[in-house]
Amino acid sequence: MITTPQLAAGPIPITAFGQSDFLLGGGAGDVLLLRADGSLGEPVLKLESAIVAIDHSVANGVTVATDGNKILLVRQGSQFALAHGAASPVSTVALSPGGDHLAFSAGDRLWVWVSGDETMPLDDFACAGQPVSIRWNGQSLLACALGADGFSLIDCASRRTDAVAGFPAPVRSVSWSGPANALVASGAFRIAAWVMDTPLLAGKLSSGALE
């Protein structure tokens, strides 16, 4: 167990960094390095107010953070502020496994940007609710936990979407299993998994859960 000073009043955004370290989002707008021995490093980047979401790609070293207003991308030592134009506060950010695409949400919409050698908007999607977490599977498929509205799947390549509701409590997290080729979502005392042997978004998600 690692003990750190209190950095914020509520939950602290955290993401893996390097082989054994982490990045933490602080209440003062700092993104701090947390080493494996529990010591804190200097701020990696700083925004104007409390950090609400961060992510880091080990593959290409890109880091992204948001305080709900600005989205700051750090790539090869340079910082870029995304002119995202979202009308609602940004609530989640997620880099693709290769780090060359960024997904983020504001309100009930999700945006996908290119975040590799250049940064530019790629697409945006309407969701059945407000995403509270985003998980990539490969470079084009996204699963979004929607709280009380269940979860949704978005295929960026085909622009197809699907949503699954009916959980007894808000869905706060979703996860992909590569070895099992499955998607897992949780809500209350229920964990449901979908084995993706058939093409995704084929209209069978709502009835294909293994609980």
C-alpha atoms as a PDB file:
ATOM      1  CA  MET A   1       0.000   0.000   0.000  1.00  0.00           C
ATOM      2  CA  ILE A   2       1.188   3.513  -0.871  1.00  0.00           C
ATOM      3  CA  THR A   3       0.250   6.437   1.380  1.00  0.00           C
ATOM      4  CA  THR A   4       0.256   9.971  -0.032  1.00  0.00           C
ATOM      5  CA  PRO A   5      -0.740  13.402   1.264  1.00  0.00           C
ATOM      6  CA  GLN A   6      -4.325  14.434   0.582  1.00  0.00           C
ATOM      7  CA  LEU A   7      -4.347  15.969  -2.887  1.00  0.00           C
ATOM      8  CA  ALA A   8      -8.050  16.677  -3.365  1.00  0.00           C
ATOM      9  CA  ALA A   9     -11.326  16.591  -1.464  1.00  0.00           C
ATOM     10  CA  GLY A  10     -12.906  13.836  -3.559  1.00  0.00           C
ATOM     11  CA  PRO A  11     -11.763  10.894  -5.692  1.00  0.00           C
ATOM     12  CA  ILE A  12      -8.343  11.400  -7.276  1.00  0.00           C
ATOM     13  CA  PRO A  13      -7.889  10.698 -11.004  1.00  0.00           C
ATOM     14  CA  ILE A  14      -5.031   8.236 -11.486  1.00  0.00           C
ATOM     15  CA  THR A  15      -3.362   6.462 -14.402  1.00  0.00           C
ATOM     16  CA  ALA A  16      -0.344   4.198 -14.854  1.00  0.00           C
ATOM     17  CA  PHE A  17       2.899   5.859 -15.937  1.00  0.00           C
ATOM     18  CA  GLY A  18       6.011   3.997 -17.069  1.00  0.00           C
ATOM     19  CA  GLN A  19       6.810   0.587 -15.616  1.00  0.00           C
ATOM     20  CA  SER A  20       5.849   1.137 -11.975  1.00  0.00           C
ATOM     21  CA  ASP A  21       4.799   4.753 -11.431  1.00  0.00           C
ATOM     22  CA  PHE A  22       1.508   6.641 -11.615  1.00  0.00           C
ATOM     23  CA  LEU A  23       0.159  10.061 -12.492  1.00  0.00           C
ATOM     24  CA  LEU A  24      -2.279  11.694 -10.063  1.00  0.00           C
ATOM     25  CA  GLY A  25      -4.659  14.582 -10.659  1.00  0.00           C
ATOM     26  CA  GLY A  26      -4.662  17.131  -7.839  1.00  0.00           C
ATOM     27  CA  GLY A  27      -7.258  19.577  -6.590  1.00  0.00           C
ATOM     28  CA  ALA A  28      -5.055  22.555  -7.462  1.00  0.00           C
ATOM     29  CA  GLY A  29      -4.810  21.635 -11.144  1.00  0.00           C
ATOM     30  CA  ASP A  30      -1.491  19.782 -10.905  1.00  0.00           C
ATOM     31  CA  VAL A  31      -0.791  16.399 -12.475  1.00  0.00           C
ATOM     32  CA  LEU A  32       1.821  14.828 -10.205  1.00  0.00           C
ATOM     33  CA  LEU A  33       4.150  11.864 -10.576  1.00  0.00           C
ATOM     34  CA  LEU A  34       3.658   9.214  -7.880  1.00  0.00           C
ATOM     35  CA  ARG A  35       6.651   6.897  -7.640  1.00  0.00           C
ATOM     36  CA  ALA A  36       6.448   3.263  -6.584  1.00  0.00           C
ATOM     37  CA  ASP A  37       8.053   4.118  -3.232  1.00  0.00           C
ATOM     38  CA  GLY A  38       5.240   6.566  -2.439  1.00  0.00           C
ATOM     39  CA  SER A  39       7.183   9.769  -3.072  1.00  0.00           C
ATOM     40  CA  LEU A  40       5.725  12.554  -5.199  1.00  0.00           C
ATOM     41  CA  GLY A  41       7.620  14.172  -8.055  1.00  0.00           C
ATOM     42  CA  GLU A  42       7.307  17.601  -9.597  1.00  0.00           C
ATOM     43  CA  PRO A  43       4.120  18.445 -11.531  1.00  0.00           C
ATOM     44  CA  VAL A  44       4.099  16.969 -15.027  1.00  0.00           C
ATOM     45  CA  LEU A  45       1.622  19.603 -16.186  1.00  0.00           C
ATOM     46  CA  LYS A  46      -0.742  22.137 -14.672  1.00  0.00           C
ATOM     47  CA  LEU A  47      -4.240  23.364 -15.458  1.00  0.00           C
ATOM     48  CA  GLU A  48      -6.254  26.161 -13.872  1.00  0.00           C
ATOM     49  CA  SER A  49      -8.536  24.105 -11.607  1.00  0.00           C
ATOM     50  CA  ALA A  50      -8.967  20.609 -10.164  1.00  0.00           C
ATOM     51  CA  ILE A  51      -8.100  17.750 -12.508  1.00  0.00           C
ATOM     52  CA  VAL A  52     -11.160  15.636 -13.309  1.00  0.00           C
ATOM     53  CA  ALA A  53      -9.606  13.070 -15.683  1.00  0.00           C
ATOM     54  CA  ILE A  54      -6.170  11.988 -16.904  1.00  0.00           C
ATOM     55  CA  ASP A  55      -4.693   9.254 -19.086  1.00  0.00           C
ATOM     56  CA  HIS A  56      -1.272   8.228 -20.348  1.00  0.00           C
ATOM     57  CA  SER A  57      -0.131   6.034 -23.221  1.00  0.00           C
ATOM     58  CA  VAL A  58       2.924   3.915 -22.523  1.00  0.00           C
ATOM     59  CA  ALA A  59       3.167   3.143 -26.244  1.00  0.00           C
ATOM     60  CA  ASN A  60       4.077   6.670 -27.352  1.00  0.00           C
ATOM     61  CA  GLY A  61       4.416   8.632 -24.103  1.00  0.00           C
ATOM     62  CA  VAL A  62       1.414  10.908 -24.692  1.00  0.00           C
ATOM     63  CA  THR A  63      -0.338  12.267 -21.589  1.00  0.00           C
ATOM     64  CA  VAL A  64      -3.732  13.984 -21.542  1.00  0.00           C
ATOM     65  CA  ALA A  65      -5.508  15.771 -18.691  1.00  0.00           C
ATOM     66  CA  THR A  66      -8.569  17.960 -18.263  1.00  0.00           C
ATOM     67  CA  ASP A  67      -9.969  20.194 -15.546  1.00  0.00           C
ATOM     68  CA  GLY A  68     -13.392  20.129 -17.194  1.00  0.00           C
ATOM     69  CA  ASN A  69     -12.721  23.239 -19.246  1.00  0.00           C
ATOM     70  CA  LYS A  70      -9.380  22.785 -20.979  1.00  0.00           C
ATOM     71  CA  ILE A  71      -7.892  19.595 -22.390  1.00  0.00           C
ATOM     72  CA  LEU A  72      -4.096  19.578 -22.321  1.00  0.00           C
ATOM     73  CA  LEU A  73      -2.073  17.071 -24.331  1.00  0.00           C
ATOM     74  CA  VAL A  74       1.630  16.506 -23.633  1.00  0.00           C
ATOM     75  CA  ARG A  75       3.629  14.897 -26.431  1.00  0.00           C
ATOM     76  CA  GLN A  76       7.432  14.682 -26.640  1.00  0.00           C
ATOM     77  CA  GLY A  77       7.823  17.418 -24.044  1.00  0.00           C
ATOM     78  CA  SER A  78       5.488  19.865 -25.801  1.00  0.00           C
ATOM     79  CA  GLN A  79       2.033  20.854 -24.538  1.00  0.00           C
ATOM     80  CA  PHE A  80      -1.003  21.347 -26.757  1.00  0.00           C
ATOM     81  CA  ALA A  81      -4.380  22.745 -25.676  1.00  0.00           C
ATOM     82  CA  LEU A  82      -7.241  21.210 -27.657  1.00  0.00           C
ATOM     83  CA  ALA A  83      -9.747  23.721 -29.025  1.00  0.00           C
ATOM     84  CA  HIS A  84     -12.532  21.199 -28.510  1.00  0.00           C
ATOM     85  CA  GLY A  85     -15.480  23.610 -28.445  1.00  0.00           C
ATOM     86  CA  ALA A  86     -17.643  21.389 -26.214  1.00  0.00           C
ATOM     87  CA  ALA A  87     -20.596  23.246 -24.696  1.00  0.00           C
ATOM     88  CA  SER A  88     -20.652  21.091 -21.523  1.00  0.00           C
ATOM     89  CA  PRO A  89     -17.778  20.410 -19.105  1.00  0.00           C
ATOM     90  CA  VAL A  90     -15.416  17.640 -20.200  1.00  0.00           C
ATOM     91  CA  SER A  91     -15.803  14.679 -17.842  1.00  0.00           C
ATOM     92  CA  THR A  92     -13.676  11.822 -19.215  1.00  0.00           C
ATOM     93  CA  VAL A  93     -10.608  11.316 -21.407  1.00  0.00           C
ATOM     94  CA  ALA A  94      -9.109   8.100 -22.799  1.00  0.00           C
ATOM     95  CA  LEU A  95      -6.172   7.446 -25.119  1.00  0.00           C
ATOM     96  CA  SER A  96      -6.236   4.512 -27.518  1.00  0.00           C
ATOM     97  CA  PRO A  97      -3.755   1.659 -26.858  1.00  0.00           C
ATOM     98  CA  GLY A  98      -1.294   3.118 -29.352  1.00  0.00           C
ATOM     99  CA  GLY A  99      -1.777   6.632 -28.022  1.00  0.00           C
ATOM    100  CA  ASP A 100      -2.556   8.029 -31.463  1.00  0.00           C
ATOM    101  CA  HIS A 101      -6.272   8.623 -30.832  1.00  0.00           C
ATOM    102  CA  LEU A 102      -8.015  10.436 -27.991  1.00  0.00           C
ATOM    103  CA  ALA A 103     -11.634  10.027 -26.914  1.00  0.00           C
ATOM    104  CA  PHE A 104     -13.283  12.457 -24.524  1.00  0.00           C
ATOM    105  CA  SER A 105     -16.823  13.200 -23.440  1.00  0.00           C
ATOM    106  CA  ALA A 106     -18.799  16.272 -22.473  1.00  0.00           C
ATOM    107  CA  GLY A 107     -22.460  15.974 -21.591  1.00  0.00           C
ATOM    108  CA  ASP A 108     -23.991  13.175 -23.649  1.00  0.00           C
ATOM    109  CA  ARG A 109     -21.551  13.465 -26.568  1.00  0.00           C
ATOM    110  CA  LEU A 110     -18.246  11.751 -27.240  1.00  0.00           C
ATOM    111  CA  TRP A 111     -15.476  13.107 -29.456  1.00  0.00           C
ATOM    112  CA  VAL A 112     -12.579  11.266 -31.086  1.00  0.00           C
ATOM    113  CA  TRP A 113      -9.417  13.165 -32.035  1.00  0.00           C
ATOM    114  CA  VAL A 114      -6.154  12.175 -33.677  1.00  0.00           C
ATOM    115  CA  SER A 115      -3.434  12.608 -31.043  1.00  0.00           C
ATOM    116  CA  GLY A 116      -0.340  11.240 -32.784  1.00  0.00           C
ATOM    117  CA  ASP A 117       2.131  13.403 -34.697  1.00  0.00           C
ATOM    118  CA  GLU A 118      -0.638  15.937 -35.276  1.00  0.00           C
ATOM    119  CA  THR A 119      -3.745  16.793 -33.270  1.00  0.00           C
ATOM    120  CA  MET A 120      -7.097  17.267 -34.984  1.00  0.00           C
ATOM    121  CA  PRO A 121     -10.766  16.270 -34.581  1.00  0.00           C
ATOM    122  CA  LEU A 122     -11.839  13.060 -36.274  1.00  0.00           C
ATOM    123  CA  ASP A 123     -15.484  12.396 -35.332  1.00  0.00           C
ATOM    124  CA  ASP A 124     -18.149  12.853 -32.662  1.00  0.00           C
ATOM    125  CA  PHE A 125     -21.042  10.702 -31.471  1.00  0.00           C
ATOM    126  CA  ALA A 126     -24.255  11.092 -29.474  1.00  0.00           C
ATOM    127  CA  CYS A 127     -24.556   8.778 -26.455  1.00  0.00           C
ATOM    128  CA  ALA A 128     -27.639   7.488 -24.642  1.00  0.00           C
ATOM    129  CA  GLY A 129     -26.384   9.220 -21.475  1.00  0.00           C
ATOM    130  CA  GLN A 130     -23.332  10.977 -20.083  1.00  0.00           C
ATOM    131  CA  PRO A 131     -20.192   8.791 -20.180  1.00  0.00           C
ATOM    132  CA  VAL A 132     -18.501   8.363 -16.804  1.00  0.00           C
ATOM    133  CA  SER A 133     -15.671   6.202 -18.153  1.00  0.00           C
ATOM    134  CA  ILE A 134     -14.339   5.214 -21.575  1.00  0.00           C
ATOM    135  CA  ARG A 135     -12.405   2.086 -22.572  1.00  0.00           C
ATOM    136  CA  TRP A 136     -10.765   1.431 -25.934  1.00  0.00           C
ATOM    137  CA  ASN A 137     -10.513  -1.968 -27.599  1.00  0.00           C
ATOM    138  CA  GLY A 138      -8.026  -1.635 -30.430  1.00  0.00           C
ATOM    139  CA  GLN A 139      -7.933   1.580 -32.417  1.00  0.00           C
ATOM    140  CA  SER A 140     -11.596   2.019 -33.349  1.00  0.00           C
ATOM    141  CA  LEU A 141     -13.911   0.368 -30.805  1.00  0.00           C
ATOM    142  CA  LEU A 142     -15.048   2.114 -27.621  1.00  0.00           C
ATOM    143  CA  ALA A 143     -17.137   1.057 -24.629  1.00  0.00           C
ATOM    144  CA  CYS A 144     -18.612   3.832 -22.481  1.00  0.00           C
ATOM    145  CA  ALA A 145     -20.123   3.417 -19.019  1.00  0.00           C
ATOM    146  CA  LEU A 146     -23.180   5.678 -18.836  1.00  0.00           C
ATOM    147  CA  GLY A 147     -24.110   5.499 -15.154  1.00  0.00           C
ATOM    148  CA  ALA A 148     -27.877   5.123 -14.762  1.00  0.00           C
ATOM    149  CA  ASP A 149     -28.223   4.733 -18.555  1.00  0.00           C
ATOM    150  CA  GLY A 150     -26.180   1.504 -18.738  1.00  0.00           C
ATOM    151  CA  PHE A 151     -23.358   1.453 -21.268  1.00  0.00           C
ATOM    152  CA  SER A 152     -22.821   1.977 -24.972  1.00  0.00           C
ATOM    153  CA  LEU A 153     -20.547   0.668 -27.707  1.00  0.00           C
ATOM    154  CA  ILE A 154     -19.171   2.876 -30.456  1.00  0.00           C
ATOM    155  CA  ASP A 155     -17.405   1.613 -33.561  1.00  0.00           C
ATOM    156  CA  CYS A 156     -15.494   4.598 -34.920  1.00  0.00           C
ATOM    157  CA  ALA A 157     -14.689   2.879 -38.213  1.00  0.00           C
ATOM    158  CA  SER A 158     -18.303   2.156 -39.182  1.00  0.00           C
ATOM    159  CA  ARG A 159     -19.900   4.883 -36.987  1.00  0.00           C
ATOM    160  CA  ARG A 160     -22.295   2.266 -35.584  1.00  0.00           C
ATOM    161  CA  THR A 161     -23.460   2.532 -31.980  1.00  0.00           C
ATOM    162  CA  ASP A 162     -25.437   0.379 -29.570  1.00  0.00           C
ATOM    163  CA  ALA A 163     -26.573   0.790 -25.961  1.00  0.00           C
ATOM    164  CA  VAL A 164     -27.492  -1.628 -23.175  1.00  0.00           C
ATOM    165  CA  ALA A 165     -29.653  -0.425 -20.281  1.00  0.00           C
ATOM    166  CA  GLY A 166     -31.572  -2.189 -17.516  1.00  0.00           C
ATOM    167  CA  PHE A 167     -28.830  -2.467 -14.896  1.00  0.00           C
ATOM    168  CA  PRO A 168     -30.174  -2.297 -11.299  1.00  0.00           C
ATOM    169  CA  ALA A 169     -27.633   0.396 -10.402  1.00  0.00           C
ATOM    170  CA  PRO A 170     -25.467   2.877 -12.315  1.00  0.00           C
ATOM    171  CA  VAL A 171     -22.728   1.373 -14.493  1.00  0.00           C
ATOM    172  CA  ARG A 172     -19.501   3.102 -13.460  1.00  0.00           C
ATOM    173  CA  SER A 173     -16.963   0.960 -15.285  1.00  0.00           C
ATOM    174  CA  VAL A 174     -16.545  -1.332 -18.265  1.00  0.00           C
ATOM    175  CA  SER A 175     -13.561  -3.420 -19.289  1.00  0.00           C
ATOM    176  CA  TRP A 176     -12.352  -5.494 -22.228  1.00  0.00           C
ATOM    177  CA  SER A 177     -10.773  -8.932 -21.958  1.00  0.00           C
ATOM    178  CA  GLY A 178      -8.484  -9.666 -24.878  1.00  0.00           C
ATOM    179  CA  PRO A 179      -7.843 -13.360 -24.088  1.00  0.00           C
ATOM    180  CA  ALA A 180     -11.559 -14.047 -23.584  1.00  0.00           C
ATOM    181  CA  ASN A 181     -12.676 -11.738 -26.398  1.00  0.00           C
ATOM    182  CA  ALA A 182     -15.278 -10.318 -24.024  1.00  0.00           C
ATOM    183  CA  LEU A 183     -16.724  -7.097 -22.667  1.00  0.00           C
ATOM    184  CA  VAL A 184     -17.548  -6.844 -18.950  1.00  0.00           C
ATOM    185  CA  ALA A 185     -19.805  -4.264 -17.283  1.00  0.00           C
ATOM    186  CA  SER A 186     -20.837  -3.920 -13.646  1.00  0.00           C
ATOM    187  CA  GLY A 187     -23.780  -2.363 -11.830  1.00  0.00           C
ATOM    188  CA  ALA A 188     -24.759  -2.972  -8.163  1.00  0.00           C
ATOM    189  CA  PHE A 189     -24.272  -6.683  -7.355  1.00  0.00           C
ATOM    190  CA  ARG A 190     -24.411  -7.654 -10.999  1.00  0.00           C
ATOM    191  CA  ILE A 191     -21.536  -8.265 -13.401  1.00  0.00           C
ATOM    192  CA  ALA A 192     -22.443  -9.103 -16.982  1.00  0.00           C
ATOM    193  CA  ALA A 193     -20.085 -10.250 -19.732  1.00  0.00           C
ATOM    194  CA  TRP A 194     -20.605 -10.393 -23.466  1.00  0.00           C
ATOM    195  CA  VAL A 195     -18.522 -12.852 -25.490  1.00  0.00           C
ATOM    196  CA  MET A 196     -17.766 -11.139 -28.777  1.00  0.00           C
ATOM    197  CA  ASP A 197     -17.598 -14.169 -31.067  1.00  0.00           C
ATOM    198  CA  THR A 198     -20.124 -12.596 -33.424  1.00  0.00           C
ATOM    199  CA  PRO A 199     -19.600  -9.191 -35.063  1.00  0.00           C
ATOM    200  CA  LEU A 200     -20.004  -6.340 -32.622  1.00  0.00           C
ATOM    201  CA  LEU A 201     -23.004  -4.059 -32.779  1.00  0.00           C
ATOM    202  CA  ALA A 202     -25.009  -6.751 -34.531  1.00  0.00           C
ATOM    203  CA  GLY A 203     -28.154  -6.067 -32.541  1.00  0.00           C
ATOM    204  CA  LYS A 204     -27.643  -8.946 -30.075  1.00  0.00           C
ATOM    205  CA  LEU A 205     -25.967  -7.172 -27.177  1.00  0.00           C
ATOM    206  CA  SER A 206     -29.122  -6.635 -25.144  1.00  0.00           C
ATOM    207  CA  SER A 207     -29.837 -10.372 -24.982  1.00  0.00           C
ATOM    208  CA  GLY A 208     -26.355 -11.875 -25.138  1.00  0.00           C
ATOM    209  CA  ALA A 209     -25.083 -11.332 -21.610  1.00  0.00           C
ATOM    210  CA  LEU A 210     -23.529 -14.077 -19.512  1.00  0.00           C
ATOM    211  CA  GLU A 211     -24.270 -13.061 -15.904  1.00  0.00           C
END
